[in-house]
C-alpha atoms as a PDB file:
ATOM      1  CA  MET A   1       8.695   0.519   8.538  1.00  0.00           C
ATOM      2  CA  TYR A   2       7.799   0.560   4.883  1.00  0.00           C
ATOM      3  CA  LYS A   3       8.698   3.926   3.107  1.00  0.00           C
ATOM      4  CA  ARG A   4       5.441   5.390   1.449  1.00  0.00           C
ATOM      5  CA  ARG A   5       7.235   5.426  -2.134  1.00  0.00           C
ATOM      6  CA  TYR A   6       8.117   1.651  -1.420  1.00  0.00           C
ATOM      7  CA  LEU A   7       4.440   0.786  -0.628  1.00  0.00           C
ATOM      8  CA  ARG A   8       3.375   2.462  -3.364  1.00  0.00           C
ATOM      9  CA  HIS A   9       5.354   0.590  -5.700  1.00  0.00           C
ATOM     10  CA  LEU A  10       4.558  -2.593  -4.348  1.00  0.00           C
ATOM     11  CA  ALA A  11       0.735  -1.582  -4.522  1.00  0.00           C
ATOM     12  CA  ALA A  12       1.138  -0.768  -8.206  1.00  0.00           C
ATOM     13  CA  GLY A  13       2.783  -4.039  -8.977  1.00  0.00           C
ATOM     14  CA  LEU A  14       0.205  -6.063  -7.414  1.00  0.00           C
ATOM     15  CA  ILE A  15      -2.568  -3.879  -8.861  1.00  0.00           C
ATOM     16  CA  GLU A  16      -1.530  -4.271 -12.294  1.00  0.00           C
ATOM     17  CA  SER A  17      -0.231  -8.091 -11.899  1.00  0.00           C
ATOM     18  CA  HIS A  18      -3.502  -9.648  -9.907  1.00  0.00           C
ATOM     19  CA  GLY A  19      -6.200  -6.822 -10.670  1.00  0.00           C
ATOM     20  CA  TRP A  20      -6.614  -6.461  -6.867  1.00  0.00           C
ATOM     21  CA  THR A  21      -8.615  -3.162  -5.548  1.00  0.00           C
ATOM     22  CA  ILE A  22      -7.120  -1.057  -3.395  1.00  0.00           C
ATOM     23  CA  GLU A  23      -8.706  -2.027  -0.801  1.00  0.00           C
ATOM     24  CA  THR A  24      -7.541  -5.698  -0.900  1.00  0.00           C
ATOM     25  CA  THR A  25      -4.010  -4.717  -1.630  1.00  0.00           C
ATOM     26  CA  ALA A  26      -4.252  -2.413   1.246  1.00  0.00           C
ATOM     27  CA  THR A  27      -5.381  -5.228   3.564  1.00  0.00           C
ATOM     28  CA  TYR A  28      -2.663  -7.477   2.018  1.00  0.00           C
ATOM     29  CA  LEU A  29       0.352  -5.024   2.594  1.00  0.00           C
ATOM     30  CA  ALA A  30      -1.035  -4.634   6.380  1.00  0.00           C
ATOM     31  CA  THR A  31      -0.397  -8.106   6.847  1.00  0.00           C
ATOM     32  CA  ARG A  32       3.360  -8.376   5.808  1.00  0.00           C
ATOM     33  CA  PRO A  33       6.239  -8.257   7.656  1.00  0.00           C
ATOM     34  CA  GLY A  34       7.245  -4.717   8.088  1.00  0.00           C
ATOM     35  CA  ALA A  35       4.456  -2.994   8.397  1.00  0.00           C
ATOM     36  CA  ASP A  36       4.982  -3.399  12.231  1.00  0.00           C
ATOM     37  CA  LEU A  37       1.657  -2.183  13.172  1.00  0.00           C
ATOM     38  CA  THR A  38       2.071   1.083  11.896  1.00  0.00           C
ATOM     39  CA  TRP A  39       0.316   0.472   8.291  1.00  0.00           C
ATOM     40  CA  THR A  40      -3.115  -0.588   8.816  1.00  0.00           C
ATOM     41  CA  PRO A  41      -5.462  -1.283   5.935  1.00  0.00           C
ATOM     42  CA  ARG A  42      -7.195   1.855   6.400  1.00  0.00           C
ATOM     43  CA  THR A  43      -3.962   4.390   6.540  1.00  0.00           C
ATOM     44  CA  LEU A  44      -2.941   2.163   3.600  1.00  0.00           C
ATOM     45  CA  THR A  45      -6.175   2.697   1.642  1.00  0.00           C
ATOM     46  CA  THR A  46      -5.500   6.513   2.542  1.00  0.00           C
ATOM     47  CA  LEU A  47      -2.195   6.364   1.321  1.00  0.00           C
ATOM     48  CA  LEU A  48      -2.796   4.469  -2.032  1.00  0.00           C
ATOM     49  CA  THR A  49      -5.770   6.789  -3.054  1.00  0.00           C
ATOM     50  CA  SER A  50      -3.921  10.432  -2.145  1.00  0.00           C
ATOM     51  CA  THR A  51      -1.998  12.121  -4.725  1.00  0.00           C
ATOM     52  CA  PRO A  52       2.031  11.264  -4.540  1.00  0.00           C
ATOM     53  CA  PRO A  53       4.145  14.225  -3.742  1.00  0.00           C
ATOM     54  CA  ALA A  54       6.304  15.337  -6.484  1.00  0.00           C
ATOM     55  CA  VAL A  55       9.666  14.073  -6.756  1.00  0.00           C
END
C-alpha cells in the first residue's frame, strides 16, 4: 500500500506537470497498481486537501 507522503509527492508532480485538479489526480492515483482498493478517489482527495503533518 502506498504511504501518504509518497502519494502527496506523486500528486504534487502530476498537478504541477499536467495542470490536473486534485480530483483528477486522486482518481488517477486510485486506479494505479499499489492502491490495493485501500485508496479511493474520495480518500485521496481528503488526503490531498488536508494539511500534511510536520516532519
